[in-house]
Protein backbone atom coordinates (compact mmCIF):
# COMPACT_ATOMS: atom_id res chain seq x y z
CA MET A 1 -30.39 17.90 -40.36
CA GLY A 2 -30.09 14.40 -41.79
CA SER A 3 -31.90 15.53 -45.00
CA ILE A 4 -29.28 18.13 -45.92
CA ALA A 5 -26.76 15.81 -47.61
CA PRO A 6 -29.18 14.30 -50.20
CA ARG A 7 -30.33 17.76 -51.22
CA LEU A 8 -26.73 18.93 -51.57
CA ALA A 9 -25.92 15.85 -53.66
CA LYS A 10 -28.87 16.64 -55.92
CA LEU A 11 -27.59 20.16 -56.37
CA ALA A 12 -24.22 18.78 -57.45
CA ARG A 13 -25.81 17.37 -60.60
CA GLU A 14 -27.53 20.62 -61.62
CA PRO A 15 -26.05 23.14 -64.11
CA ALA A 16 -23.29 25.19 -62.50
CA PRO A 17 -24.84 28.72 -62.28
CA GLY A 18 -28.15 27.53 -60.85
CA ARG A 19 -26.39 25.07 -58.59
CA LYS A 20 -24.19 27.77 -57.10
CA ARG A 21 -27.12 30.01 -56.26
CA ARG A 22 -29.20 27.23 -54.71
CA LEU A 23 -26.24 25.68 -52.88
CA ARG A 24 -25.39 29.01 -51.31
CA ARG A 25 -28.97 29.31 -50.07
CA ARG A 26 -28.82 25.79 -48.59
CA LEU A 27 -25.52 26.47 -46.89
CA ALA A 28 -26.81 29.76 -45.53
CA LYS A 29 -29.64 27.89 -43.84
CA CYS A 30 -27.37 25.14 -42.55
CA PHE A 31 -24.65 27.40 -41.23
CA ALA A 32 -26.52 30.54 -40.12
CA LEU A 33 -24.37 30.95 -37.05
CA ALA A 34 -23.25 34.57 -37.28
CA VAL A 35 -24.67 37.52 -35.35
CA GLY A 36 -27.93 38.79 -36.70
CA ALA A 37 -28.69 35.59 -38.58
CA ALA A 38 -32.42 35.02 -38.72
CA PRO A 39 -33.62 31.95 -36.80
CA ILE A 40 -34.07 28.99 -39.11
CA ALA A 41 -36.80 26.48 -38.33
CA ALA A 42 -35.31 23.02 -37.92
CA PRO A 43 -37.09 19.80 -38.87
CA HIS A 44 -39.61 18.73 -36.23
CA ALA A 45 -39.64 22.26 -34.84
CA SER A 46 -41.89 21.23 -31.99
CA SER A 47 -39.00 19.25 -30.51
CA ALA A 48 -36.18 21.47 -31.77
CA GLU A 49 -33.41 22.25 -29.31
CA THR A 50 -32.01 25.77 -29.06
CA LEU A 51 -28.72 26.81 -27.57
CA TYR A 52 -30.44 28.39 -24.56
CA SER A 53 -32.60 25.34 -23.90
CA THR A 54 -29.45 23.21 -24.05
CA LEU A 55 -27.73 25.48 -21.55
CA ALA A 56 -30.77 25.31 -19.28
CA ARG A 57 -30.55 21.50 -19.32
CA ALA A 58 -26.85 21.60 -18.53
CA TYR A 59 -27.45 24.11 -15.72
CA GLN A 60 -30.00 21.82 -14.07
CA ASN A 61 -28.65 18.36 -14.83
CA ASN A 62 -24.87 18.50 -15.20
CA PRO A 63 -23.46 16.10 -12.56
CA GLU A 64 -20.25 18.06 -12.09
CA LEU A 65 -22.16 21.24 -11.33
CA ASN A 66 -24.57 19.44 -8.99
CA GLN A 67 -21.64 17.84 -7.20
CA ARG A 68 -20.08 21.27 -6.71
CA ARG A 69 -23.36 22.60 -5.31
CA ALA A 70 -23.43 19.77 -2.76
CA SER A 71 -19.82 20.56 -1.82
CA VAL A 72 -20.72 24.22 -1.24
CA ARG A 73 -23.70 23.23 0.92
CA ALA A 74 -21.38 21.10 3.04
CA ARG A 75 -18.98 24.04 3.28
CA ASP A 76 -21.80 26.24 4.63
CA GLU A 77 -21.89 24.18 7.82
CA GLU A 78 -18.45 25.46 8.82
CA THR A 79 -20.04 28.70 10.04
CA THR A 80 -22.44 26.80 12.30
CA LYS A 81 -19.56 24.74 13.66
CA ALA A 82 -17.56 27.88 14.38
CA LEU A 83 -20.46 29.58 16.20
CA SER A 84 -20.83 26.56 18.49
CA GLY A 85 -17.74 27.69 20.38
CA MET A 86 -19.75 30.18 22.46
CA ARG A 87 -22.86 28.08 22.84
CA PRO A 88 -23.59 26.05 25.99
CA LYS A 89 -22.69 22.40 26.10
CA ALA A 90 -24.64 19.89 28.16
CA GLY A 91 -24.35 16.19 28.80
CA VAL A 92 -25.64 13.46 31.07
CA THR A 93 -23.62 10.61 32.53
CA ALA A 94 -25.09 7.64 34.39
CA SER A 95 -23.67 4.60 36.15
CA ALA A 96 -25.07 1.52 37.86
CA GLY A 97 -23.79 -1.89 38.95
CA PRO A 98 -23.08 -4.21 41.88
CA GLN A 99 -20.30 -3.39 44.29
CA TYR A 100 -18.63 -5.54 46.98
CA SER A 101 -16.30 -4.42 49.75
CA THR A 102 -14.85 -5.69 53.02
CA VAL A 103 -13.85 -3.59 56.01
CA LYS A 104 -11.45 -4.43 58.89
CA ILE A 105 -11.50 -2.03 61.82
CA PRO A 106 -8.98 -2.37 64.71
CA SER A 107 -10.79 -3.25 67.97
CA GLY A 108 -8.01 -3.44 70.57
CA ARG A 109 -6.28 -6.68 71.66
CA ASN A 110 -7.55 -10.10 72.46
CA ASN A 111 -6.86 -12.21 75.62
CA LEU A 112 -3.54 -13.33 74.19
CA GLY A 113 -2.44 -9.78 73.64
CA GLN A 114 -2.81 -9.95 69.90
CA ARG A 115 -4.34 -7.11 67.90
CA ALA A 116 -8.01 -7.75 67.21
CA TYR A 117 -10.10 -6.48 64.30
CA TYR A 118 -13.74 -5.97 63.65
CA ALA A 119 -14.49 -7.21 60.10
CA ASP A 120 -17.55 -6.83 57.97
CA GLU A 121 -18.50 -7.05 54.30
CA PHE A 122 -20.80 -4.85 52.35
CA ILE A 123 -22.75 -5.58 49.16
CA GLY A 124 -24.56 -2.78 47.38
CA TYR A 125 -26.03 -1.72 44.02
CA PRO A 126 -25.12 1.95 43.70
CA ARG A 127 -26.70 4.00 40.94
CA GLY A 128 -26.06 7.55 39.96
CA ALA A 129 -26.43 10.18 37.27
CA ALA A 130 -24.94 13.57 36.61
CA LEU A 131 -26.00 16.52 34.47
CA ASN A 132 -23.08 18.66 33.34
CA VAL A 133 -23.47 22.06 31.72
CA SER A 134 -20.60 24.27 30.60
CA GLN A 135 -20.53 27.70 29.03
CA THR A 136 -17.53 29.53 27.66
CA LEU A 137 -17.66 33.15 28.76
CA PHE A 138 -14.51 34.45 27.10
CA ASP A 139 -12.17 32.80 24.61
CA GLY A 140 -10.04 35.69 23.45
CA GLY A 141 -12.23 36.34 20.41
CA ARG A 142 -11.55 32.90 18.94
CA THR A 143 -15.18 32.01 18.26
CA ALA A 144 -16.07 35.38 16.74
CA SER A 145 -13.02 35.32 14.48
CA ALA A 146 -13.58 31.70 13.51
CA ALA A 147 -17.20 32.47 12.59
CA ARG A 148 -16.17 35.40 10.41
CA GLN A 149 -13.46 33.25 8.84
CA ALA A 150 -16.01 30.55 8.05
CA GLU A 151 -18.46 33.09 6.65
CA SER A 152 -15.82 34.55 4.34
CA GLY A 153 -14.87 31.04 3.30
CA ALA A 154 -18.50 30.28 2.48
CA LEU A 155 -18.82 33.44 0.39
CA SER A 156 -15.64 32.49 -1.43
CA ALA A 157 -17.10 29.06 -2.14
CA HIS A 158 -20.29 30.66 -3.45
CA ALA A 159 -18.28 32.77 -5.88
CA GLY A 160 -16.30 29.68 -6.83
CA LEU A 161 -19.58 27.94 -7.61
CA SER A 162 -20.35 30.74 -10.05
CA VAL A 163 -17.00 30.06 -11.73
CA ASN A 164 -17.96 26.39 -12.06
CA GLU A 165 -21.35 27.37 -13.45
CA GLN A 166 -19.73 29.52 -16.13
CA THR A 167 -17.28 26.74 -16.99
CA ILE A 168 -20.12 24.25 -17.48
CA LEU A 169 -22.19 26.68 -19.55
CA GLN A 170 -19.18 27.54 -21.69
CA SER A 171 -18.58 23.83 -22.23
CA GLY A 172 -22.25 23.50 -23.14
CA VAL A 173 -21.91 26.22 -25.78
CA LYS A 174 -18.87 24.53 -27.27
CA ALA A 175 -20.53 21.10 -27.26
CA TYR A 176 -23.63 22.50 -28.97
CA MET A 177 -21.63 24.33 -31.62
CA ASP A 178 -19.31 21.36 -32.15
CA VAL A 179 -22.31 19.19 -33.02
CA LEU A 180 -23.61 21.83 -35.45
CA ARG A 181 -20.18 22.27 -37.01
CA ASP A 182 -19.50 18.56 -37.42
CA THR A 183 -23.02 17.91 -38.72
CA ALA A 184 -22.48 20.54 -41.41
CA ILE A 185 -19.00 19.27 -42.27
CA THR A 186 -20.31 15.71 -42.49
CA ALA A 187 -23.00 16.89 -44.90
CA LEU A 188 -20.37 18.66 -47.00
CA ARG A 189 -18.18 15.56 -47.04
CA LYS A 190 -21.13 13.38 -48.04
CA ASN A 191 -22.02 15.77 -50.84
CA ASN A 192 -18.38 15.69 -51.90
CA ILE A 193 -18.62 11.92 -52.35
CA ALA A 194 -21.69 12.35 -54.55
CA VAL A 195 -19.91 14.94 -56.70
CA LEU A 196 -16.74 12.84 -56.99
CA THR A 197 -18.76 9.75 -57.84
CA GLU A 198 -20.40 11.63 -60.69
CA GLN A 199 -17.00 12.96 -61.73
CA LEU A 200 -15.61 9.41 -61.86
CA ARG A 201 -18.59 8.23 -63.93
CA GLN A 202 -18.08 11.02 -66.44
CA THR A 203 -14.34 10.37 -66.60
CA ARG A 204 -14.90 6.69 -67.33
CA GLU A 205 -17.38 7.57 -70.09
CA ARG A 206 -14.84 9.91 -71.65
CA PHE A 207 -12.17 7.23 -71.33
CA ARG A 208 -14.35 4.79 -73.28
CA VAL A 209 -14.57 7.21 -76.19
CA GLY A 210 -10.89 8.07 -76.01
CA GLU A 211 -11.13 11.65 -74.72
CA VAL A 212 -9.01 11.00 -71.59
CA THR A 213 -6.42 8.48 -70.51
CA VAL A 214 -6.32 5.82 -67.83
CA THR A 215 -4.38 8.31 -65.70
CA ASP A 216 -7.42 10.58 -65.56
CA VAL A 217 -9.55 7.66 -64.41
CA ALA A 218 -7.02 6.79 -61.70
CA GLN A 219 -6.94 10.40 -60.51
CA SER A 220 -10.73 10.45 -60.23
CA GLU A 221 -10.73 7.14 -58.35
CA ALA A 222 -8.06 8.41 -55.93
CA ALA A 223 -10.02 11.61 -55.32
CA LEU A 224 -13.17 9.60 -54.57
CA GLU A 225 -11.37 7.36 -52.08
CA GLN A 226 -9.89 10.42 -50.38
CA GLY A 227 -13.37 11.93 -50.23
CA ARG A 228 -14.69 8.80 -48.56
CA SER A 229 -11.86 8.90 -46.04
CA ASP A 230 -12.67 12.54 -45.25
CA PHE A 231 -16.33 11.61 -44.81
CA TYR A 232 -15.53 8.79 -42.38
CA ASN A 233 -13.28 11.13 -40.39
CA ALA A 234 -16.07 13.72 -40.28
CA GLN A 235 -18.49 11.06 -39.03
CA ALA A 236 -16.05 10.09 -36.28
CA MET A 237 -15.67 13.72 -35.22
CA LEU A 238 -19.46 14.09 -35.15
CA LYS A 239 -19.82 11.04 -32.91
CA MET A 240 -17.20 12.45 -30.54
CA SER A 241 -18.97 15.81 -30.43
CA MET A 242 -22.31 14.12 -29.75
CA SER A 243 -20.72 12.12 -26.93
CA ALA A 244 -19.31 15.31 -25.38
CA TYR A 245 -22.74 16.94 -25.71
CA ARG A 246 -24.39 14.02 -23.93
CA ARG A 247 -21.80 14.11 -21.14
CA ILE A 248 -22.31 17.82 -20.48
CA VAL A 249 -26.03 18.23 -21.14
CA GLY A 250 -27.27 14.79 -20.11
CA VAL A 251 -29.30 14.01 -23.26
CA GLU A 252 -28.61 13.18 -26.90
CA PRO A 253 -28.51 16.16 -29.29
CA ARG A 254 -31.76 16.30 -31.27
CA HIS A 255 -32.65 18.77 -34.03
CA LEU A 256 -30.28 21.53 -32.94
CA GLU A 257 -31.19 24.95 -34.25
CA PRO A 258 -28.55 27.42 -35.48
CA ALA A 259 -27.21 29.68 -32.74
CA ALA A 260 -26.34 33.35 -32.82
CA SER A 261 -23.28 35.02 -31.41
CA ALA A 262 -23.47 36.64 -27.97
CA GLU A 263 -21.82 39.87 -29.11
CA LYS A 264 -24.87 41.96 -28.22
CA LEU A 265 -24.23 41.07 -24.56
CA LEU A 266 -20.57 42.13 -24.68
CA PRO A 267 -18.99 45.53 -24.03
CA ARG A 268 -17.88 47.48 -27.08
CA SER A 269 -14.14 47.14 -26.61
CA ALA A 270 -11.57 44.78 -25.16
CA GLY A 271 -10.49 47.51 -22.73
CA SER A 272 -13.99 47.78 -21.30
CA ALA A 273 -14.14 44.01 -21.06
CA GLU A 274 -10.90 43.90 -19.08
CA THR A 275 -12.21 46.54 -16.68
CA MET A 276 -15.44 44.61 -16.15
CA ALA A 277 -13.59 41.33 -15.68
CA VAL A 278 -11.30 42.73 -13.00
CA ALA A 279 -14.25 44.32 -11.18
CA GLN A 280 -16.87 41.56 -11.26
CA HIS A 281 -15.47 38.20 -12.31
CA PRO A 282 -16.41 35.62 -9.66
CA SER A 283 -12.86 34.26 -9.47
CA VAL A 284 -11.68 37.72 -8.35
CA ILE A 285 -14.55 37.97 -5.87
CA SER A 286 -13.68 34.53 -4.54
CA ALA A 287 -10.06 35.57 -4.07
CA LEU A 288 -11.11 38.71 -2.17
CA HIS A 289 -13.20 36.63 0.22
CA GLN A 290 -10.21 34.35 0.68
CA VAL A 291 -8.24 37.38 1.88
CA ASP A 292 -10.97 38.17 4.42
CA ALA A 293 -10.92 34.57 5.60
CA ALA A 294 -7.13 34.63 5.94
CA GLU A 295 -7.25 37.86 7.98
CA HIS A 296 -9.65 36.27 10.45
CA ALA A 297 -7.51 33.12 10.50
CA VAL A 298 -4.67 35.23 11.89
CA LYS A 299 -6.95 36.42 14.70
CA VAL A 300 -7.99 32.84 15.42
CA ALA A 301 -4.35 31.84 15.75
CA GLU A 302 -3.60 34.82 18.00
CA SER A 303 -6.47 33.92 20.32
CA ALA A 304 -4.43 30.92 21.49
CA LEU A 305 -2.37 33.40 23.55
CA SER A 306 -5.42 34.83 25.31
CA PRO A 307 -6.90 33.60 28.61
CA THR A 308 -10.22 31.75 28.59
CA VAL A 309 -13.01 31.91 31.14
CA SER A 310 -15.72 29.28 31.46
CA LEU A 311 -18.54 28.36 33.82
CA ASN A 312 -19.34 24.75 34.69
CA ALA A 313 -22.38 23.45 36.58
CA GLN A 314 -23.18 19.92 37.72
CA VAL A 315 -26.16 18.25 39.35
CA SER A 316 -25.64 14.68 40.57
CA PRO A 317 -28.19 12.43 42.38
CA GLN A 318 -27.04 9.00 43.65
CA TRP A 319 -28.77 5.99 45.21
CA ASP A 320 -27.31 3.24 47.44
CA SER A 321 -23.96 4.90 47.16
CA PHE A 322 -23.12 4.57 50.88
CA LEU A 323 -22.05 0.99 51.47
CA GLY A 324 -23.83 -0.74 54.22
CA TRP A 325 -26.83 1.51 54.10
CA PRO A 326 -29.19 0.32 51.39
CA GLY A 327 -31.80 2.82 50.27
CA THR A 328 -29.59 5.83 50.94
CA ARG A 329 -29.81 8.79 48.63
CA GLN A 330 -27.35 11.55 47.96
CA PHE A 331 -27.70 14.76 46.00
CA ALA A 332 -24.93 17.15 45.00
CA ALA A 333 -24.88 20.34 42.97
CA ALA A 334 -21.94 22.55 42.08
CA ALA A 335 -21.18 25.58 39.97
CA THR A 336 -17.59 26.55 39.31
CA GLY A 337 -15.84 29.09 37.22
CA SER A 338 -12.47 28.43 35.66
CA LEU A 339 -9.77 30.68 34.30
CA ASN A 340 -7.09 29.34 32.00
CA ILE A 341 -4.08 31.53 31.24
CA PRO A 342 -1.69 30.04 28.67
CA LEU A 343 1.95 30.71 29.39
CA TYR A 344 3.88 28.45 27.06
CA GLN A 345 2.79 25.43 25.02
CA GLY A 346 6.03 24.48 23.34
CA GLY A 347 5.93 27.23 20.72
CA SER A 348 3.31 25.70 18.46
CA GLU A 349 0.93 28.62 18.94
CA TYR A 350 3.59 31.07 17.76
CA ALA A 351 4.29 28.92 14.71
CA SER A 352 0.56 28.86 13.94
CA ILE A 353 0.41 32.66 14.06
CA ARG A 354 3.38 33.03 11.73
CA GLN A 355 1.90 30.43 9.41
CA ALA A 356 -1.45 32.25 9.29
CA LYS A 357 0.28 35.52 8.43
CA GLU A 358 2.13 33.91 5.55
CA GLN A 359 -1.11 32.39 4.32
CA LEU A 360 -2.63 35.87 4.43
CA SER A 361 0.18 37.13 2.20
CA GLU A 362 -0.47 34.22 -0.13
CA ALA A 363 -4.18 35.09 -0.32
CA ARG A 364 -3.42 38.74 -1.13
CA LEU A 365 -1.10 37.67 -3.93
CA GLY A 366 -3.87 35.36 -5.11
CA VAL A 367 -6.09 38.40 -5.72
CA ASP A 368 -3.44 39.95 -7.96
CA LEU A 369 -3.08 36.67 -9.81
CA ALA A 370 -6.84 36.31 -10.28
CA ARG A 371 -7.08 39.84 -11.66
CA GLU A 372 -4.26 39.25 -14.12
CA ASN A 373 -5.79 35.96 -15.22
CA VAL A 374 -9.24 37.41 -15.96
CA ARG A 375 -7.69 40.41 -17.66
CA ALA A 376 -5.75 38.08 -19.94
CA MET A 377 -8.85 35.93 -20.52
CA ALA A 378 -10.86 38.98 -21.57
CA SER A 379 -8.14 40.21 -23.90
CA ASP A 380 -7.55 36.78 -25.46
CA SER A 381 -11.24 36.03 -25.97
CA PHE A 382 -11.86 39.36 -27.68
CA ALA A 383 -8.86 38.77 -29.93
CA GLN A 384 -10.20 35.32 -30.83
CA LEU A 385 -13.62 36.79 -31.54
CA GLU A 386 -12.19 39.42 -33.88
CA ALA A 387 -10.09 36.77 -35.61
CA ALA A 388 -13.16 34.59 -36.14
CA LYS A 389 -15.16 37.50 -37.58
CA THR A 390 -12.33 38.32 -39.97
CA SER A 391 -12.03 34.67 -40.90
CA ILE A 392 -15.74 34.54 -41.79
CA VAL A 393 -15.36 37.42 -44.24
CA SER A 394 -12.28 35.83 -45.79
CA SER A 395 -13.91 32.41 -45.97
CA GLN A 396 -17.03 33.80 -47.62
CA ALA A 397 -14.87 35.48 -50.25
CA ALA A 398 -12.89 32.27 -50.68
CA VAL A 399 -16.09 30.26 -51.25
CA LYS A 400 -17.29 32.67 -53.93
CA ALA A 401 -13.90 32.66 -55.64
CA ALA A 402 -13.66 28.87 -55.48
CA GLU A 403 -17.15 28.51 -56.98
CA LYS A 404 -16.20 30.74 -59.90
CA SER A 405 -12.91 28.92 -60.31
CA LEU A 406 -14.55 25.49 -60.37
CA TRP A 407 -17.14 26.61 -62.90
CA GLY A 408 -14.45 28.05 -65.15
CA VAL A 409 -12.17 25.03 -64.89
CA ARG A 410 -15.03 22.70 -65.79
CA GLN A 411 -15.89 24.79 -68.83
CA GLU A 412 -12.27 24.78 -69.94
CA ALA A 413 -12.00 21.03 -69.33
CA ARG A 414 -14.89 20.42 -71.73
CA VAL A 415 -12.88 21.94 -74.58
CA GLY A 416 -9.64 20.24 -73.59
CA GLN A 417 -7.90 23.24 -72.01
CA ARG A 418 -7.92 21.72 -68.49
CA THR A 419 -7.14 18.25 -67.22
CA THR A 420 -9.17 16.04 -64.94
CA LEU A 421 -6.69 16.79 -62.15
CA ASP A 422 -7.36 20.52 -62.56
CA VAL A 423 -11.07 19.92 -62.11
CA LEU A 424 -10.51 17.74 -59.04
CA ASN A 425 -8.19 20.28 -57.46
CA ALA A 426 -10.66 23.10 -58.06
CA HIS A 427 -13.45 21.05 -56.55
CA GLN A 428 -11.41 20.19 -53.46
CA ALA A 429 -10.51 23.86 -53.06
CA LEU A 430 -14.22 24.69 -52.99
CA VAL A 431 -14.96 21.98 -50.42
CA ALA A 432 -12.08 23.18 -48.23
CA ALA A 433 -13.33 26.78 -48.46
CA ARG A 434 -16.83 25.74 -47.38
CA VAL A 435 -15.45 23.69 -44.50
CA ASN A 436 -13.34 26.66 -43.40
CA LEU A 437 -16.42 28.88 -43.49
CA VAL A 438 -18.33 26.47 -41.25
CA ILE A 439 -15.40 26.37 -38.82
CA ALA A 440 -15.11 30.17 -38.77
CA GLN A 441 -18.83 30.58 -38.05
CA HIS A 442 -18.54 28.00 -35.25
CA ASP A 443 -15.51 29.78 -33.81
CA ARG A 444 -17.30 33.14 -33.79
CA VAL A 445 -20.14 31.88 -31.61
CA VAL A 446 -17.83 29.96 -29.28
CA ALA A 447 -15.47 32.93 -28.93
CA SER A 448 -18.33 35.31 -28.15
CA TYR A 449 -19.51 33.16 -25.25
CA ALA A 450 -15.92 32.70 -24.08
CA ALA A 451 -15.66 36.50 -23.96
CA LEU A 452 -18.90 36.61 -21.97
CA ALA A 453 -17.43 34.12 -19.50
CA ALA A 454 -14.23 36.16 -19.28
CA ILE A 455 -16.14 39.16 -17.91
CA GLY A 456 -18.12 36.99 -15.50
CA ARG A 457 -21.48 37.30 -17.26
CA LEU A 458 -22.01 33.76 -18.57
CA THR A 459 -24.46 32.73 -15.86
CA ALA A 460 -27.99 31.38 -15.96
CA GLY A 461 -29.26 34.66 -14.53
CA ASP A 462 -27.42 36.86 -17.02
CA LEU A 463 -28.61 34.70 -19.93
CA ASN A 464 -32.16 34.56 -18.52
CA LEU A 465 -32.29 30.81 -19.01
CA ASP A 466 -35.61 29.04 -18.58
CA ALA A 467 -34.50 27.20 -15.44
CA ALA A 468 -34.95 27.53 -11.70
CA LEU A 469 -31.95 29.53 -10.52
CA TYR A 470 -29.83 28.00 -7.76
CA ASP A 471 -28.99 30.53 -5.04
CA PRO A 472 -26.39 29.23 -2.55
CA GLU A 473 -27.22 32.06 -0.15
CA ILE A 474 -30.60 30.47 0.62
CA HIS A 475 -29.06 27.32 2.05
CA TYR A 476 -26.40 29.30 3.91
CA GLU A 477 -28.99 31.46 5.66
CA GLU A 478 -30.99 28.34 6.55
CA VAL A 479 -28.16 26.58 8.35
CA LYS A 480 -25.80 29.18 9.76
CA ASP A 481 -27.84 29.82 12.94
CA LYS A 482 -29.17 26.31 13.47
CA TRP A 483 -28.79 24.93 17.00
CA PHE A 484 -30.46 21.56 16.42
CA GLY A 485 -31.55 19.29 13.60
CA LEU A 486 -30.35 16.31 11.58
CA ASP A 487 -32.21 16.83 8.31
CA THR A 488 -30.60 18.56 5.36
CA SER A 489 -32.38 21.26 3.38
CA ASP A 490 -33.79 18.68 0.95
CA GLY A 491 -35.16 16.48 3.75
CA ARG A 492 -32.42 13.84 3.90
């Protein structure tokens, strides 16, 4: 892409009709962003980066997306924790240490009639251990409801991860297209400097022979300085776009190829898009799972009013536990059942039930809100896409008209019918029209992928990206029924 500006500058010095034809061909290759545009081979094609390869990099390497995946994996463990409520619990306790005691036992009266005692002291080293096992037999459905609540929460998190994925990929599309747009605009601004420099040279030559005044020279100088300012601003915007690209994708942009619109992946109308968005957008799916989780949360809260039944067993051997008899051994075993019937705990359980019901209402309203949001997103993105397509047609017509205008003004200026300012204004109008065309082509591609995200189809799977797809269900199935183990799924 770096070789575009010199070629454009060279074209600026050619005769007007030939220059227009060749410049249009150059611009068509630089800015072939619209739907149906033929792929253009970039310099160093072996290392050229396409939009889809960029999105694949972002899908695999974006730190925000990887952080979200780790968060979802952590959330998966909530189901395992909930299921532990009906699993047995076992523990061992042990004790050992020296013990000293004295004993005084009444033994009648002595010769003086005073009460007499038999005294002795005991020193021992008792040791003991106990194995305790408990099993909840009935908890009012708390564990079952908590497990279903956790499962629904995990599914909601998985859908939320898909939302994050689409957000990152949409940001990747914008970053890619921003670099292309700003590279093209920078090339136009650089070419503008070359044209204005030549214009200033010609104006000074004409001033020397008395054809124009010092005012014409000053106008040409001012136009050149403004052109340089525009070029520096374009360079700054390009650097910012490249920085955003690096932040999202993880690498520097290198030899980016033109990208096509995603309109072939979209439904035919905005109405169809809205219907698809409401039915399948992951944010709506996430909200529906949140409703399921909230329904089970109500049952969890209500289980606090139910009785619980549990079974406890204990085995306890002891050594030297009977003072005064070293070497003694004792063994005890017990199995007991317990029934706990809650009567009143200060009212907190009733408050928790009411709170859970209100949270359920909130979750149901959240579904309506999610549906309205995606419906609006679909409608807005399709409107933006249509506006960009219309803008491209208008900008293309504006470029052609500005080219004709500039050619005519220059011809008239040669015979004294136009001033230097007229030529400069016509030239700036042409530059502005070309910049607007680049922006419109950029906006069309970005809007098409925004529309794809609005219907929930901007995912690595839907785009068939060349990347290993991350499936959160795999990790969830691995951990939800685990009884033991410290290692995570990646071996940590």
